[in-house]
Amino acid sequence: MNKILFFISLSLIFFVTLPSCLEDDQYGEGLEVFGKGDNRRAIIHNDEEEEEEEEPINPDTTATFDFTTLSGTYEGDLLIEDGASPLPVTVVANPNKTFDLALYNAVVDGMELGDLIFEGIPAKKDNQSWKFNVSRNVELLGGTIQADVDVNGVVTEKGDLSFVVAIVTPPIELTYKGKKQKN
């Protein structure tokens, strides 16, 4: 009878202490059976399932582009039918999604047009570029000529600037292509 009592008490101790050892991870990973069904003793993490739950990152929706970083000096050539003149163009990208475009001391075929400054040109997003279009009356040759000017252009987020200045009277079309200079 003593032997039976001894085995019963030994079994009782074994069944009481074994689950606490498994929950504390003292003897390695929990048994797979304990992680299934309603009788769970420990949460088993499956790394593959966690990876599938993560949503892919879409750079177009999560990355926010700061419009004002388009500001700077762009170096390029002002092209006319017969030739090209190097010309820096200053672009200021305003927080309200408008551009200020300035061509200081513009010279075309030896003719000094003077400063051409266009302020508050509205910009529209098109993929990774910003398009602008404006029609203004400007003074050329130091104020001696009043001209109607149409400006159509694109500034890309990569730092490229291109635009066409169409002077209605006298009819002249100027094309500009340049790259943003690193500050």
Protein backbone atom coordinates (compact mmCIF):
# COMPACT_ATOMS: atom_id res chain seq x y z
CA MET A 1 0.00 0.00 0.00
CA ASN A 2 2.92 2.29 0.70
CA LYS A 3 4.16 1.76 -2.84
CA ILE A 4 0.82 2.69 -4.37
CA LEU A 5 0.58 5.80 -2.21
CA PHE A 6 4.14 6.71 -3.17
CA PHE A 7 3.39 6.41 -6.97
CA ILE A 8 0.17 8.36 -6.64
CA SER A 9 1.88 11.20 -4.79
CA LEU A 10 4.79 11.14 -7.28
CA SER A 11 2.36 11.30 -10.22
CA LEU A 12 0.45 14.14 -8.54
CA ILE A 13 3.65 16.15 -8.06
CA PHE A 14 4.71 15.43 -11.64
CA PHE A 15 1.37 16.63 -13.11
CA VAL A 16 1.31 19.76 -10.95
CA THR A 17 4.88 20.91 -11.66
CA LEU A 18 5.26 19.91 -15.33
CA PRO A 19 2.80 22.46 -16.79
CA SER A 20 4.39 25.30 -14.81
CA CYS A 21 7.82 24.34 -16.21
CA LEU A 22 6.49 24.35 -19.77
CA GLU A 23 4.85 27.76 -19.35
CA ASP A 24 8.07 29.25 -18.02
CA ASP A 25 9.99 27.86 -21.04
CA GLN A 26 12.52 26.24 -18.74
CA TYR A 27 12.62 23.15 -20.91
CA GLY A 28 12.69 24.77 -24.36
CA GLU A 29 9.80 25.43 -26.71
CA GLY A 30 6.27 24.49 -25.64
CA LEU A 31 4.73 21.43 -27.16
CA GLU A 32 2.89 22.08 -30.40
CA VAL A 33 -0.25 20.48 -28.98
CA PHE A 34 -0.52 23.16 -26.28
CA GLY A 35 -0.75 25.92 -28.89
CA LYS A 36 -3.81 24.49 -30.62
CA GLY A 37 -7.49 24.38 -29.78
CA ASP A 38 -9.19 25.74 -26.69
CA ASN A 39 -6.57 24.20 -24.41
CA ARG A 40 -3.85 26.75 -25.18
CA ARG A 41 -1.12 27.21 -22.62
CA ALA A 42 1.20 29.44 -24.60
CA ILE A 43 0.88 31.61 -27.68
CA ILE A 44 2.94 30.28 -30.55
CA HIS A 45 4.11 32.97 -32.99
CA ASN A 46 4.36 32.04 -36.63
CA ASP A 47 6.74 34.47 -38.35
CA GLU A 48 5.38 33.66 -41.81
CA GLU A 49 1.86 34.68 -40.83
CA GLU A 50 3.09 37.96 -39.35
CA GLU A 51 4.93 38.83 -42.56
CA GLU A 52 1.80 38.24 -44.62
CA GLU A 53 -0.25 40.52 -42.39
CA GLU A 54 1.98 43.52 -43.07
CA GLU A 55 0.70 45.76 -45.85
CA PRO A 56 3.16 46.62 -48.61
CA ILE A 57 4.53 50.14 -48.47
CA ASN A 58 3.43 52.26 -51.40
CA PRO A 59 5.89 55.15 -51.85
CA ASP A 60 3.31 57.25 -53.69
CA THR A 61 0.92 57.31 -50.73
CA THR A 62 3.29 57.25 -47.76
CA ALA A 63 6.03 59.54 -48.95
CA THR A 64 5.13 63.16 -48.84
CA PHE A 65 7.02 65.42 -51.22
CA ASP A 66 7.71 68.93 -50.00
CA PHE A 67 6.78 71.24 -52.89
CA THR A 68 9.08 73.99 -51.62
CA THR A 69 12.17 71.81 -52.25
CA LEU A 70 11.76 72.66 -55.94
CA SER A 71 13.09 76.15 -55.14
CA GLY A 72 16.58 76.94 -56.34
CA THR A 73 18.71 78.08 -59.24
CA TYR A 74 18.44 76.07 -62.43
CA GLU A 75 21.34 76.22 -64.92
CA GLY A 76 20.57 75.67 -68.57
CA ASP A 77 20.24 77.23 -72.00
CA LEU A 78 17.66 79.60 -73.36
CA LEU A 79 17.15 78.37 -76.91
CA ILE A 80 15.98 80.32 -79.92
CA GLU A 81 15.82 79.16 -83.54
CA ASP A 82 19.37 80.23 -84.41
CA GLY A 83 21.24 79.56 -81.19
CA ALA A 84 21.39 79.21 -77.45
CA SER A 85 22.34 81.45 -74.55
CA PRO A 86 23.32 80.06 -71.15
CA LEU A 87 20.97 81.44 -68.53
CA PRO A 88 20.39 80.74 -64.84
CA VAL A 89 16.73 80.74 -63.83
CA THR A 90 15.60 81.27 -60.27
CA VAL A 91 12.57 79.26 -59.16
CA VAL A 92 10.78 79.85 -55.88
CA ALA A 93 8.20 77.21 -55.00
CA ASN A 94 5.71 78.75 -52.58
CA PRO A 95 3.82 76.75 -49.92
CA ASN A 96 0.52 77.58 -51.67
CA LYS A 97 1.62 75.48 -54.71
CA THR A 98 2.60 78.44 -56.90
CA PHE A 99 5.91 79.26 -58.56
CA ASP A 100 7.83 82.50 -58.86
CA LEU A 101 10.02 82.31 -61.96
CA ALA A 102 12.79 84.85 -62.59
CA LEU A 103 15.11 85.23 -65.57
CA TYR A 104 17.54 88.00 -64.64
CA ASN A 105 19.33 89.88 -67.44
CA ALA A 106 17.93 87.66 -70.16
CA VAL A 107 19.89 88.03 -73.41
CA VAL A 108 18.67 86.53 -76.68
CA ASP A 109 20.88 86.80 -79.77
CA GLY A 110 22.74 89.75 -78.28
CA MET A 111 19.48 91.57 -77.51
CA GLU A 112 19.08 92.31 -73.82
CA LEU A 113 15.50 91.58 -72.85
CA GLY A 114 16.12 92.58 -69.23
CA ASP A 115 14.57 90.87 -66.22
CA LEU A 116 11.58 88.61 -66.78
CA ILE A 117 9.89 87.91 -63.47
CA PHE A 118 6.68 85.90 -63.21
CA GLU A 119 5.15 85.64 -59.75
CA GLY A 120 2.33 83.45 -58.45
CA ILE A 121 2.21 80.95 -61.33
CA PRO A 122 -0.21 78.18 -60.28
CA ALA A 123 1.22 74.63 -60.49
CA LYS A 124 -0.58 71.34 -61.00
CA LYS A 125 0.78 67.92 -60.01
CA ASP A 126 1.31 65.41 -62.83
CA ASN A 127 3.01 62.18 -61.67
CA GLN A 128 6.43 63.30 -60.40
CA SER A 129 6.36 66.72 -62.03
CA TRP A 130 4.59 70.04 -61.62
CA LYS A 131 3.16 71.80 -64.68
CA PHE A 132 2.56 75.51 -64.88
CA ASN A 133 0.99 77.86 -67.40
CA VAL A 134 0.58 81.63 -67.30
CA SER A 135 -0.20 84.50 -69.68
CA ARG A 136 1.08 87.94 -68.74
CA ASN A 137 1.86 91.33 -70.19
CA VAL A 138 5.53 92.17 -69.59
CA GLU A 139 8.01 94.92 -70.36
CA LEU A 140 10.98 94.00 -72.53
CA LEU A 141 14.16 95.88 -73.42
CA GLY A 142 14.08 97.96 -70.27
CA GLY A 143 10.43 98.95 -70.69
CA THR A 144 10.55 100.03 -74.33
CA ILE A 145 8.39 97.13 -75.53
CA GLN A 146 5.17 95.89 -73.95
CA ALA A 147 4.59 92.25 -74.88
CA ASP A 148 2.01 89.59 -74.21
CA VAL A 149 3.82 86.46 -73.02
CA ASP A 150 2.60 82.89 -72.57
CA VAL A 151 4.76 80.66 -70.35
CA ASN A 152 4.19 76.88 -70.28
CA GLY A 153 6.53 74.63 -68.36
CA VAL A 154 7.35 71.67 -66.15
CA VAL A 155 9.46 71.28 -63.02
CA THR A 156 10.24 67.69 -62.07
CA GLU A 157 10.92 66.37 -58.59
CA LYS A 158 14.30 65.12 -59.93
CA GLY A 159 15.39 68.73 -60.53
CA ASP A 160 14.68 69.34 -64.23
CA LEU A 161 13.11 72.56 -65.48
CA SER A 162 11.79 73.18 -68.97
CA PHE A 163 9.49 75.86 -70.26
CA VAL A 164 8.51 77.75 -73.39
CA VAL A 165 8.10 81.52 -73.42
CA ALA A 166 5.96 82.57 -76.37
CA ILE A 167 6.08 86.31 -76.96
CA VAL A 168 2.98 87.16 -78.98
CA THR A 169 4.08 90.57 -80.33
CA PRO A 170 6.77 90.56 -81.72
CA PRO A 171 6.41 86.81 -82.36
CA ILE A 172 9.36 85.11 -80.64
CA GLU A 173 9.42 81.68 -79.02
CA LEU A 174 12.08 80.90 -76.45
CA THR A 175 12.67 77.42 -75.02
CA TYR A 176 14.53 76.75 -71.79
CA LYS A 177 15.94 73.49 -70.40
CA GLY A 178 17.98 73.35 -67.24
CA LYS A 179 18.91 71.35 -64.16
CA LYS A 180 18.73 72.41 -60.53
CA GLN A 181 22.09 73.28 -59.05
CA LYS A 182 23.10 71.77 -55.72
CA ASN A 183 23.37 74.37 -53.00
